[in-house]
Amino acid sequence: MTAGGAAQHLSALLTDLLGTPLPVRLRAWDGSESAPGDSAPGAPVLVVRSRRALRRLLWQPGELGLAEGYITGDLDVDGDLADALRAVWRTVRTG
């Protein structure tokens, strides 16, 4: 895990935005990772493969940006995709 890498910065930004920590681990294009304190071994990992993924989400927030990022390979999930989506959706809805 790279200290102070992109994943930690993204995680902090998303925590501020959502008002709660991400429910999944986060891995960024620079190899850095960030995990919530209660993440279990084998928990899904949201992988942000490029800065382009962030631009896509800023210009097309919501499901369309996420879907395009996933289809192009800029965003991915290591682990069970359905588990990751449920965890993130639950967090966004209950914040």
PDB file of N, CA and C in Angstrom:
ATOM      1  N   MET A   1       0.845  -1.173   0.000  1.00  0.00           N
ATOM      2  CA  MET A   1       0.000   0.000   0.000  1.00  0.00           C
ATOM      3  C   MET A   1       0.890   1.235   0.000  1.00  0.00           C
ATOM      4  N   THR A   2       0.650   2.173  -0.899  1.00  0.00           N
ATOM      5  CA  THR A   2       1.433   3.380  -1.008  1.00  0.00           C
ATOM      6  C   THR A   2       0.833   4.447  -0.107  1.00  0.00           C
ATOM      7  N   ALA A   3       1.643   4.945   0.837  1.00  0.00           N
ATOM      8  CA  ALA A   3       1.150   5.964   1.748  1.00  0.00           C
ATOM      9  C   ALA A   3       0.963   7.277   1.001  1.00  0.00           C
ATOM     10  N   GLY A   4      -0.162   7.942   1.241  1.00  0.00           N
ATOM     11  CA  GLY A   4      -0.404   9.232   0.636  1.00  0.00           C
ATOM     12  C   GLY A   4      -0.657   9.191  -0.856  1.00  0.00           C
ATOM     13  N   GLY A   5      -0.968   8.034  -1.402  1.00  0.00           N
ATOM     14  CA  GLY A   5      -1.211   7.911  -2.833  1.00  0.00           C
ATOM     15  C   GLY A   5      -2.591   8.398  -3.232  1.00  0.00           C
ATOM     16  N   ALA A   6      -2.888   8.219  -4.502  1.00  0.00           N
ATOM     17  CA  ALA A   6      -4.158   8.682  -5.061  1.00  0.00           C
ATOM     18  C   ALA A   6      -5.360   8.058  -4.357  1.00  0.00           C
ATOM     19  N   ALA A   7      -5.267   6.791  -3.979  1.00  0.00           N
ATOM     20  CA  ALA A   7      -6.407   6.120  -3.340  1.00  0.00           C
ATOM     21  C   ALA A   7      -6.783   6.780  -2.017  1.00  0.00           C
ATOM     22  N   GLN A   8      -5.790   7.170  -1.226  1.00  0.00           N
ATOM     23  CA  GLN A   8      -6.097   7.822   0.046  1.00  0.00           C
ATOM     24  C   GLN A   8      -6.764   9.173  -0.187  1.00  0.00           C
ATOM     25  N   HIS A   9      -6.273   9.906  -1.186  1.00  0.00           N
ATOM     26  CA  HIS A   9      -6.867  11.210  -1.487  1.00  0.00           C
ATOM     27  C   HIS A   9      -8.296  11.052  -2.010  1.00  0.00           C
ATOM     28  N   LEU A  10      -8.505  10.082  -2.896  1.00  0.00           N
ATOM     29  CA  LEU A  10      -9.852   9.826  -3.414  1.00  0.00           C
ATOM     30  C   LEU A  10     -10.795   9.380  -2.304  1.00  0.00           C
ATOM     31  N   SER A  11     -10.306   8.508  -1.448  1.00  0.00           N
ATOM     32  CA  SER A  11     -11.124   8.008  -0.351  1.00  0.00           C
ATOM     33  C   SER A  11     -11.541   9.146   0.579  1.00  0.00           C
ATOM     34  N   ALA A  12     -10.598  10.029   0.902  1.00  0.00           N
ATOM     35  CA  ALA A  12     -10.914  11.166   1.767  1.00  0.00           C
ATOM     36  C   ALA A  12     -11.935  12.090   1.105  1.00  0.00           C
ATOM     37  N   LEU A  13     -11.764  12.339  -0.184  1.00  0.00           N
ATOM     38  CA  LEU A  13     -12.697  13.190  -0.919  1.00  0.00           C
ATOM     39  C   LEU A  13     -14.096  12.577  -0.948  1.00  0.00           C
ATOM     40  N   LEU A  14     -14.171  11.275  -1.231  1.00  0.00           N
ATOM     41  CA  LEU A  14     -15.468  10.596  -1.285  1.00  0.00           C
ATOM     42  C   LEU A  14     -16.121  10.505   0.091  1.00  0.00           C
ATOM     43  N   THR A  15     -15.319  10.332   1.130  1.00  0.00           N
ATOM     44  CA  THR A  15     -15.854  10.307   2.492  1.00  0.00           C
ATOM     45  C   THR A  15     -16.475  11.658   2.835  1.00  0.00           C
ATOM     46  N   ASP A  16     -15.784  12.746   2.465  1.00  0.00           N
ATOM     47  CA  ASP A  16     -16.341  14.083   2.695  1.00  0.00           C
ATOM     48  C   ASP A  16     -17.631  14.279   1.903  1.00  0.00           C
ATOM     49  N   LEU A  17     -17.626  13.836   0.664  1.00  0.00           N
ATOM     50  CA  LEU A  17     -18.785  14.000  -0.210  1.00  0.00           C
ATOM     51  C   LEU A  17     -19.988  13.190   0.276  1.00  0.00           C
ATOM     52  N   LEU A  18     -19.738  11.926   0.665  1.00  0.00           N
ATOM     53  CA  LEU A  18     -20.817  11.029   1.084  1.00  0.00           C
ATOM     54  C   LEU A  18     -21.199  11.193   2.550  1.00  0.00           C
ATOM     55  N   GLY A  19     -20.291  11.741   3.344  1.00  0.00           N
ATOM     56  CA  GLY A  19     -20.543  11.879   4.766  1.00  0.00           C
ATOM     57  C   GLY A  19     -20.292  10.605   5.552  1.00  0.00           C
ATOM     58  N   THR A  20     -19.707   9.610   4.907  1.00  0.00           N
ATOM     59  CA  THR A  20     -19.394   8.330   5.542  1.00  0.00           C
ATOM     60  C   THR A  20     -18.287   7.648   4.737  1.00  0.00           C
ATOM     61  N   PRO A  21     -17.483   6.806   5.370  1.00  0.00           N
ATOM     62  CA  PRO A  21     -16.417   6.125   4.618  1.00  0.00           C
ATOM     63  C   PRO A  21     -16.971   5.183   3.552  1.00  0.00           C
ATOM     64  N   LEU A  22     -16.192   4.980   2.507  1.00  0.00           N
ATOM     65  CA  LEU A  22     -16.558   4.014   1.473  1.00  0.00           C
ATOM     66  C   LEU A  22     -16.692   2.630   2.084  1.00  0.00           C
ATOM     67  N   PRO A  23     -17.658   1.844   1.642  1.00  0.00           N
ATOM     68  CA  PRO A  23     -17.847   0.504   2.192  1.00  0.00           C
ATOM     69  C   PRO A  23     -16.969  -0.557   1.526  1.00  0.00           C
ATOM     70  N   VAL A  24     -16.163  -0.149   0.555  1.00  0.00           N
ATOM     71  CA  VAL A  24     -15.296  -1.085  -0.168  1.00  0.00           C
ATOM     72  C   VAL A  24     -13.880  -0.532  -0.192  1.00  0.00           C
ATOM     73  N   ARG A  25     -12.931  -1.417  -0.463  1.00  0.00           N
ATOM     74  CA  ARG A  25     -11.555  -0.965  -0.644  1.00  0.00           C
ATOM     75  C   ARG A  25     -11.459  -0.224  -1.965  1.00  0.00           C
ATOM     76  N   LEU A  26     -10.472   0.643  -2.069  1.00  0.00           N
ATOM     77  CA  LEU A  26     -10.264   1.431  -3.272  1.00  0.00           C
ATOM     78  C   LEU A  26      -8.814   1.265  -3.709  1.00  0.00           C
ATOM     79  N   ARG A  27      -8.603   0.971  -5.000  1.00  0.00           N
ATOM     80  CA  ARG A  27      -7.246   0.881  -5.555  1.00  0.00           C
ATOM     81  C   ARG A  27      -7.163   1.861  -6.716  1.00  0.00           C
ATOM     82  N   ALA A  28      -6.115   2.677  -6.721  1.00  0.00           N
ATOM     83  CA  ALA A  28      -5.952   3.697  -7.759  1.00  0.00           C
ATOM     84  C   ALA A  28      -4.891   3.291  -8.774  1.00  0.00           C
ATOM     85  N   TRP A  29      -4.826   4.058  -9.851  1.00  0.00           N
ATOM     86  CA  TRP A  29      -3.908   3.806 -10.966  1.00  0.00           C
ATOM     87  C   TRP A  29      -2.446   3.811 -10.549  1.00  0.00           C
ATOM     88  N   ASP A  30      -2.100   4.438  -9.424  1.00  0.00           N
ATOM     89  CA  ASP A  30      -0.705   4.483  -8.980  1.00  0.00           C
ATOM     90  C   ASP A  30      -0.341   3.303  -8.080  1.00  0.00           C
ATOM     91  N   GLY A  31      -1.282   2.368  -7.901  1.00  0.00           N
ATOM     92  CA  GLY A  31      -1.032   1.190  -7.071  1.00  0.00           C
ATOM     93  C   GLY A  31      -1.387   1.374  -5.607  1.00  0.00           C
ATOM     94  N   SER A  32      -1.746   2.592  -5.221  1.00  0.00           N
ATOM     95  CA  SER A  32      -2.101   2.836  -3.824  1.00  0.00           C
ATOM     96  C   SER A  32      -3.475   2.247  -3.523  1.00  0.00           C
ATOM     97  N   GLU A  33      -3.690   1.913  -2.255  1.00  0.00           N
ATOM     98  CA  GLU A  33      -4.968   1.353  -1.810  1.00  0.00           C
ATOM     99  C   GLU A  33      -5.428   2.046  -0.550  1.00  0.00           C
ATOM    100  N   SER A  34      -6.722   2.073  -0.391  1.00  0.00           N
ATOM    101  CA  SER A  34      -7.340   2.617   0.801  1.00  0.00           C
ATOM    102  C   SER A  34      -8.488   1.692   1.173  1.00  0.00           C
ATOM    103  N   ALA A  35      -8.628   1.429   2.450  1.00  0.00           N
ATOM    104  CA  ALA A  35      -9.676   0.506   2.891  1.00  0.00           C
ATOM    105  C   ALA A  35     -10.389   1.083   4.104  1.00  0.00           C
ATOM    106  N   PRO A  36     -11.691   0.863   4.194  1.00  0.00           N
ATOM    107  CA  PRO A  36     -12.392   1.261   5.408  1.00  0.00           C
ATOM    108  C   PRO A  36     -11.902   0.413   6.571  1.00  0.00           C
ATOM    109  N   GLY A  37     -12.019   0.938   7.757  1.00  0.00           N
ATOM    110  CA  GLY A  37     -11.530   0.226   8.925  1.00  0.00           C
ATOM    111  C   GLY A  37     -12.158  -1.130   9.144  1.00  0.00           C
ATOM    112  N   ASP A  38     -13.383  -1.313   8.664  1.00  0.00           N
ATOM    113  CA  ASP A  38     -14.089  -2.571   8.906  1.00  0.00           C
ATOM    114  C   ASP A  38     -14.102  -3.487   7.685  1.00  0.00           C
ATOM    115  N   SER A  39     -13.205  -3.260   6.714  1.00  0.00           N
ATOM    116  CA  SER A  39     -13.231  -4.111   5.513  1.00  0.00           C
ATOM    117  C   SER A  39     -12.730  -5.510   5.846  1.00  0.00           C
ATOM    118  N   ALA A  40     -13.483  -6.482   5.414  1.00  0.00           N
ATOM    119  CA  ALA A  40     -13.136  -7.881   5.659  1.00  0.00           C
ATOM    120  C   ALA A  40     -12.180  -8.373   4.582  1.00  0.00           C
ATOM    121  N   PRO A  41     -11.344  -9.350   4.918  1.00  0.00           N
ATOM    122  CA  PRO A  41     -10.500  -9.945   3.881  1.00  0.00           C
ATOM    123  C   PRO A  41     -11.380 -10.497   2.758  1.00  0.00           C
ATOM    124  N   GLY A  42     -10.989 -10.245   1.536  1.00  0.00           N
ATOM    125  CA  GLY A  42     -11.773 -10.709   0.402  1.00  0.00           C
ATOM    126  C   GLY A  42     -12.906  -9.776   0.015  1.00  0.00           C
ATOM    127  N   ALA A  43     -13.014  -8.637   0.715  1.00  0.00           N
ATOM    128  CA  ALA A  43     -14.054  -7.665   0.370  1.00  0.00           C
ATOM    129  C   ALA A  43     -13.785  -7.119  -1.031  1.00  0.00           C
ATOM    130  N   PRO A  44     -14.826  -6.712  -1.742  1.00  0.00           N
ATOM    131  CA  PRO A  44     -14.626  -6.169  -3.089  1.00  0.00           C
ATOM    132  C   PRO A  44     -13.716  -4.944  -3.081  1.00  0.00           C
ATOM    133  N   VAL A  45     -13.003  -4.773  -4.183  1.00  0.00           N
ATOM    134  CA  VAL A  45     -12.097  -3.639  -4.349  1.00  0.00           C
ATOM    135  C   VAL A  45     -12.546  -2.864  -5.586  1.00  0.00           C
ATOM    136  N   LEU A  46     -12.843  -1.588  -5.419  1.00  0.00           N
ATOM    137  CA  LEU A  46     -13.140  -0.720  -6.547  1.00  0.00           C
ATOM    138  C   LEU A  46     -11.807  -0.262  -7.122  1.00  0.00           C
ATOM    139  N   VAL A  47     -11.575  -0.552  -8.398  1.00  0.00           N
ATOM    140  CA  VAL A  47     -10.305  -0.239  -9.045  1.00  0.00           C
ATOM    141  C   VAL A  47     -10.515   0.924 -10.010  1.00  0.00           C
ATOM    142  N   VAL A  48      -9.797   2.013  -9.761  1.00  0.00           N
ATOM    143  CA  VAL A  48      -9.813   3.177 -10.647  1.00  0.00           C
ATOM    144  C   VAL A  48      -8.514   3.108 -11.437  1.00  0.00           C
ATOM    145  N   ARG A  49      -8.597   2.681 -12.686  1.00  0.00           N
ATOM    146  CA  ARG A  49      -7.411   2.390 -13.487  1.00  0.00           C
ATOM    147  C   ARG A  49      -6.742   3.612 -14.105  1.00  0.00           C
ATOM    148  N   SER A  50      -7.436   4.730 -14.171  1.00  0.00           N
ATOM    149  CA  SER A  50      -6.832   5.905 -14.800  1.00  0.00           C
ATOM    150  C   SER A  50      -7.496   7.181 -14.304  1.00  0.00           C
ATOM    151  N   ARG A  51      -6.784   8.285 -14.504  1.00  0.00           N
ATOM    152  CA  ARG A  51      -7.370   9.587 -14.184  1.00  0.00           C
ATOM    153  C   ARG A  51      -8.568   9.874 -15.087  1.00  0.00           C
ATOM    154  N   ARG A  52      -8.555   9.294 -16.271  1.00  0.00           N
ATOM    155  CA  ARG A  52      -9.661   9.479 -17.214  1.00  0.00           C
ATOM    156  C   ARG A  52     -10.990   9.050 -16.573  1.00  0.00           C
ATOM    157  N   ALA A  53     -10.942   8.020 -15.728  1.00  0.00           N
ATOM    158  CA  ALA A  53     -12.161   7.569 -15.048  1.00  0.00           C
ATOM    159  C   ALA A  53     -12.742   8.682 -14.179  1.00  0.00           C
ATOM    160  N   LEU A  54     -11.881   9.432 -13.522  1.00  0.00           N
ATOM    161  CA  LEU A  54     -12.358  10.533 -12.683  1.00  0.00           C
ATOM    162  C   LEU A  54     -12.991  11.631 -13.532  1.00  0.00           C
ATOM    163  N   ARG A  55     -12.354  11.968 -14.654  1.00  0.00           N
ATOM    164  CA  ARG A  55     -12.935  12.970 -15.555  1.00  0.00           C
ATOM    165  C   ARG A  55     -14.309  12.514 -16.046  1.00  0.00           C
ATOM    166  N   ARG A  56     -14.398  11.244 -16.397  1.00  0.00           N
ATOM    167  CA  ARG A  56     -15.665  10.706 -16.893  1.00  0.00           C
ATOM    168  C   ARG A  56     -16.761  10.850 -15.820  1.00  0.00           C
ATOM    169  N   LEU A  57     -16.424  10.564 -14.580  1.00  0.00           N
ATOM    170  CA  LEU A  57     -17.418  10.647 -13.508  1.00  0.00           C
ATOM    171  C   LEU A  57     -17.795  12.093 -13.182  1.00  0.00           C
ATOM    172  N   LEU A  58     -16.847  13.011 -13.379  1.00  0.00           N
ATOM    173  CA  LEU A  58     -17.168  14.420 -13.153  1.00  0.00           C
ATOM    174  C   LEU A  58     -18.075  14.972 -14.247  1.00  0.00           C
ATOM    175  N   TRP A  59     -17.823  14.574 -15.481  1.00  0.00           N
ATOM    176  CA  TRP A  59     -18.611  15.079 -16.605  1.00  0.00           C
ATOM    177  C   TRP A  59     -19.918  14.316 -16.780  1.00  0.00           C
ATOM    178  N   GLN A  60     -19.955  13.066 -16.362  1.00  0.00           N
ATOM    179  CA  GLN A  60     -21.173  12.253 -16.472  1.00  0.00           C
ATOM    180  C   GLN A  60     -21.416  11.541 -15.144  1.00  0.00           C
ATOM    181  N   PRO A  61     -21.764  12.303 -14.112  1.00  0.00           N
ATOM    182  CA  PRO A  61     -21.978  11.653 -12.819  1.00  0.00           C
ATOM    183  C   PRO A  61     -23.177  10.711 -12.871  1.00  0.00           C
ATOM    184  N   GLY A  62     -23.159   9.751 -11.999  1.00  0.00           N
ATOM    185  CA  GLY A  62     -24.280   8.820 -11.923  1.00  0.00           C
ATOM    186  C   GLY A  62     -24.012   7.527 -12.659  1.00  0.00           C
ATOM    187  N   GLU A  63     -25.089   6.855 -12.950  1.00  0.00           N
ATOM    188  CA  GLU A  63     -25.007   5.513 -13.527  1.00  0.00           C
ATOM    189  C   GLU A  63     -24.354   5.487 -14.902  1.00  0.00           C
ATOM    190  N   LEU A  64     -24.593   6.511 -15.735  1.00  0.00           N
ATOM    191  CA  LEU A  64     -24.022   6.524 -17.080  1.00  0.00           C
ATOM    192  C   LEU A  64     -22.500   6.589 -17.033  1.00  0.00           C
ATOM    193  N   GLY A  65     -21.960   7.484 -16.219  1.00  0.00           N
ATOM    194  CA  GLY A  65     -20.510   7.591 -16.090  1.00  0.00           C
ATOM    195  C   GLY A  65     -19.895   6.321 -15.530  1.00  0.00           C
ATOM    196  N   LEU A  66     -20.550   5.728 -14.534  1.00  0.00           N
ATOM    197  CA  LEU A  66     -20.058   4.468 -13.972  1.00  0.00           C
ATOM    198  C   LEU A  66     -20.078   3.353 -15.007  1.00  0.00           C
ATOM    199  N   ALA A  67     -21.177   3.259 -15.737  1.00  0.00           N
ATOM    200  CA  ALA A  67     -21.293   2.204 -16.747  1.00  0.00           C
ATOM    201  C   ALA A  67     -20.250   2.368 -17.844  1.00  0.00           C
ATOM    202  N   GLU A  68     -20.070   3.589 -18.341  1.00  0.00           N
ATOM    203  CA  GLU A  68     -19.070   3.813 -19.385  1.00  0.00           C
ATOM    204  C   GLU A  68     -17.662   3.527 -18.874  1.00  0.00           C
ATOM    205  N   GLY A  69     -17.382   3.939 -17.639  1.00  0.00           N
ATOM    206  CA  GLY A  69     -16.074   3.655 -17.058  1.00  0.00           C
ATOM    207  C   GLY A  69     -15.817   2.162 -16.939  1.00  0.00           C
ATOM    208  N   TYR A  70     -16.837   1.425 -16.564  1.00  0.00           N
ATOM    209  CA  TYR A  70     -16.706  -0.030 -16.429  1.00  0.00           C
ATOM    210  C   TYR A  70     -16.520  -0.687 -17.797  1.00  0.00           C
ATOM    211  N   ILE A  71     -17.307  -0.268 -18.774  1.00  0.00           N
ATOM    212  CA  ILE A  71     -17.227  -0.857 -20.115  1.00  0.00           C
ATOM    213  C   ILE A  71     -15.874  -0.587 -20.759  1.00  0.00           C
ATOM    214  N   THR A  72     -15.334   0.618 -20.568  1.00  0.00           N
ATOM    215  CA  THR A  72     -14.044   0.964 -21.177  1.00  0.00           C
ATOM    216  C   THR A  72     -12.860   0.393 -20.405  1.00  0.00           C
ATOM    217  N   GLY A  73     -13.113  -0.112 -19.201  1.00  0.00           N
ATOM    218  CA  GLY A  73     -12.027  -0.671 -18.403  1.00  0.00           C
ATOM    219  C   GLY A  73     -11.340   0.335 -17.506  1.00  0.00           C
ATOM    220  N   ASP A  74     -11.822   1.584 -17.487  1.00  0.00           N
ATOM    221  CA  ASP A  74     -11.246   2.589 -16.601  1.00  0.00           C
ATOM    222  C   ASP A  74     -11.636   2.338 -15.149  1.00  0.00           C
ATOM    223  N   LEU A  75     -12.783   1.721 -14.946  1.00  0.00           N
ATOM    224  CA  LEU A  75     -13.251   1.330 -13.615  1.00  0.00           C
ATOM    225  C   LEU A  75     -13.477  -0.172 -13.616  1.00  0.00           C
ATOM    226  N   ASP A  76     -13.148  -0.805 -12.507  1.00  0.00           N
ATOM    227  CA  ASP A  76     -13.344  -2.247 -12.415  1.00  0.00           C
ATOM    228  C   ASP A  76     -13.597  -2.607 -10.961  1.00  0.00           C
ATOM    229  N   VAL A  77     -13.990  -3.825 -10.737  1.00  0.00           N
ATOM    230  CA  VAL A  77     -14.183  -4.342  -9.385  1.00  0.00           C
ATOM    231  C   VAL A  77     -13.451  -5.664  -9.289  1.00  0.00           C
ATOM    232  N   ASP A  78     -12.552  -5.765  -8.318  1.00  0.00           N
ATOM    233  CA  ASP A  78     -11.939  -7.051  -7.991  1.00  0.00           C
ATOM    234  C   ASP A  78     -12.808  -7.667  -6.903  1.00  0.00           C
ATOM    235  N   GLY A  79     -13.342  -8.819  -7.174  1.00  0.00           N
ATOM    236  CA  GLY A  79     -14.253  -9.461  -6.237  1.00  0.00           C
ATOM    237  C   GLY A  79     -15.641  -9.515  -6.839  1.00  0.00           C
ATOM    238  N   ASP A  80     -16.613  -9.713  -6.000  1.00  0.00           N
ATOM    239  CA  ASP A  80     -17.995  -9.867  -6.443  1.00  0.00           C
ATOM    240  C   ASP A  80     -18.598  -8.512  -6.800  1.00  0.00           C
ATOM    241  N   LEU A  81     -18.902  -8.321  -8.072  1.00  0.00           N
ATOM    242  CA  LEU A  81     -19.452  -7.052  -8.553  1.00  0.00           C
ATOM    243  C   LEU A  81     -20.776  -6.727  -7.866  1.00  0.00           C
ATOM    244  N   ALA A  82     -21.647  -7.707  -7.732  1.00  0.00           N
ATOM    245  CA  ALA A  82     -22.952  -7.470  -7.105  1.00  0.00           C
ATOM    246  C   ALA A  82     -22.794  -7.037  -5.649  1.00  0.00           C
ATOM    247  N   ASP A  83     -21.877  -7.666  -4.908  1.00  0.00           N
ATOM    248  CA  ASP A  83     -21.632  -7.271  -3.515  1.00  0.00           C
ATOM    249  C   ASP A  83     -21.139  -5.832  -3.438  1.00  0.00           C
ATOM    250  N   ALA A  84     -20.226  -5.480  -4.337  1.00  0.00           N
ATOM    251  CA  ALA A  84     -19.678  -4.120  -4.347  1.00  0.00           C
ATOM    252  C   ALA A  84     -20.768  -3.099  -4.648  1.00  0.00           C
ATOM    253  N   LEU A  85     -21.580  -3.381  -5.653  1.00  0.00           N
ATOM    254  CA  LEU A  85     -22.651  -2.449  -6.013  1.00  0.00           C
ATOM    255  C   LEU A  85     -23.668  -2.292  -4.891  1.00  0.00           C
ATOM    256  N   ARG A  86     -24.026  -3.402  -4.247  1.00  0.00           N
ATOM    257  CA  ARG A  86     -24.973  -3.334  -3.122  1.00  0.00           C
ATOM    258  C   ARG A  86     -24.404  -2.482  -1.990  1.00  0.00           C
ATOM    259  N   ALA A  87     -23.132  -2.695  -1.664  1.00  0.00           N
ATOM    260  CA  ALA A  87     -22.513  -1.952  -0.563  1.00  0.00           C
ATOM    261  C   ALA A  87     -22.450  -0.457  -0.870  1.00  0.00           C
ATOM    262  N   VAL A  88     -22.046  -0.121  -2.077  1.00  0.00           N
ATOM    263  CA  VAL A  88     -21.955   1.292  -2.453  1.00  0.00           C
ATOM    264  C   VAL A  88     -23.348   1.914  -2.511  1.00  0.00           C
ATOM    265  N   TRP A  89     -24.304   1.234  -3.113  1.00  0.00           N
ATOM    266  CA  TRP A  89     -25.667   1.756  -3.211  1.00  0.00           C
ATOM    267  C   TRP A  89     -26.261   1.992  -1.824  1.00  0.00           C
ATOM    268  N   ARG A  90     -26.045   1.059  -0.916  1.00  0.00           N
ATOM    269  CA  ARG A  90     -26.553   1.193   0.455  1.00  0.00           C
ATOM    270  C   ARG A  90     -25.947   2.434   1.122  1.00  0.00           C
ATOM    271  N   THR A  91     -24.659   2.649   0.907  1.00  0.00           N
ATOM    272  CA  THR A  91     -23.982   3.805   1.498  1.00  0.00           C
ATOM    273  C   THR A  91     -24.500   5.110   0.909  1.00  0.00           C
ATOM    274  N   VAL A  92     -24.652   5.151  -0.395  1.00  0.00           N
ATOM    275  CA  VAL A  92     -25.130   6.366  -1.053  1.00  0.00           C
ATOM    276  C   VAL A  92     -26.553   6.699  -0.608  1.00  0.00           C
ATOM    277  N   ARG A  93     -27.382   5.689  -0.480  1.00  0.00           N
ATOM    278  CA  ARG A  93     -28.789   5.921  -0.108  1.00  0.00           C
ATOM    279  C   ARG A  93     -28.959   6.323   1.345  1.00  0.00           C
ATOM    280  N   THR A  94     -28.133   5.757   2.228  1.00  0.00           N
ATOM    281  CA  THR A  94     -28.304   6.035   3.655  1.00  0.00           C
ATOM    282  C   THR A  94     -27.322   7.071   4.165  1.00  0.00           C
ATOM    283  N   GLY A  95     -26.187   7.240   3.432  1.00  0.00           N
ATOM    284  CA  GLY A  95     -25.163   8.241   3.724  1.00  0.00           C
ATOM    285  C   GLY A  95     -25.028   8.503   5.153  1.00  0.00           C
TER     286      GLY A  95
END
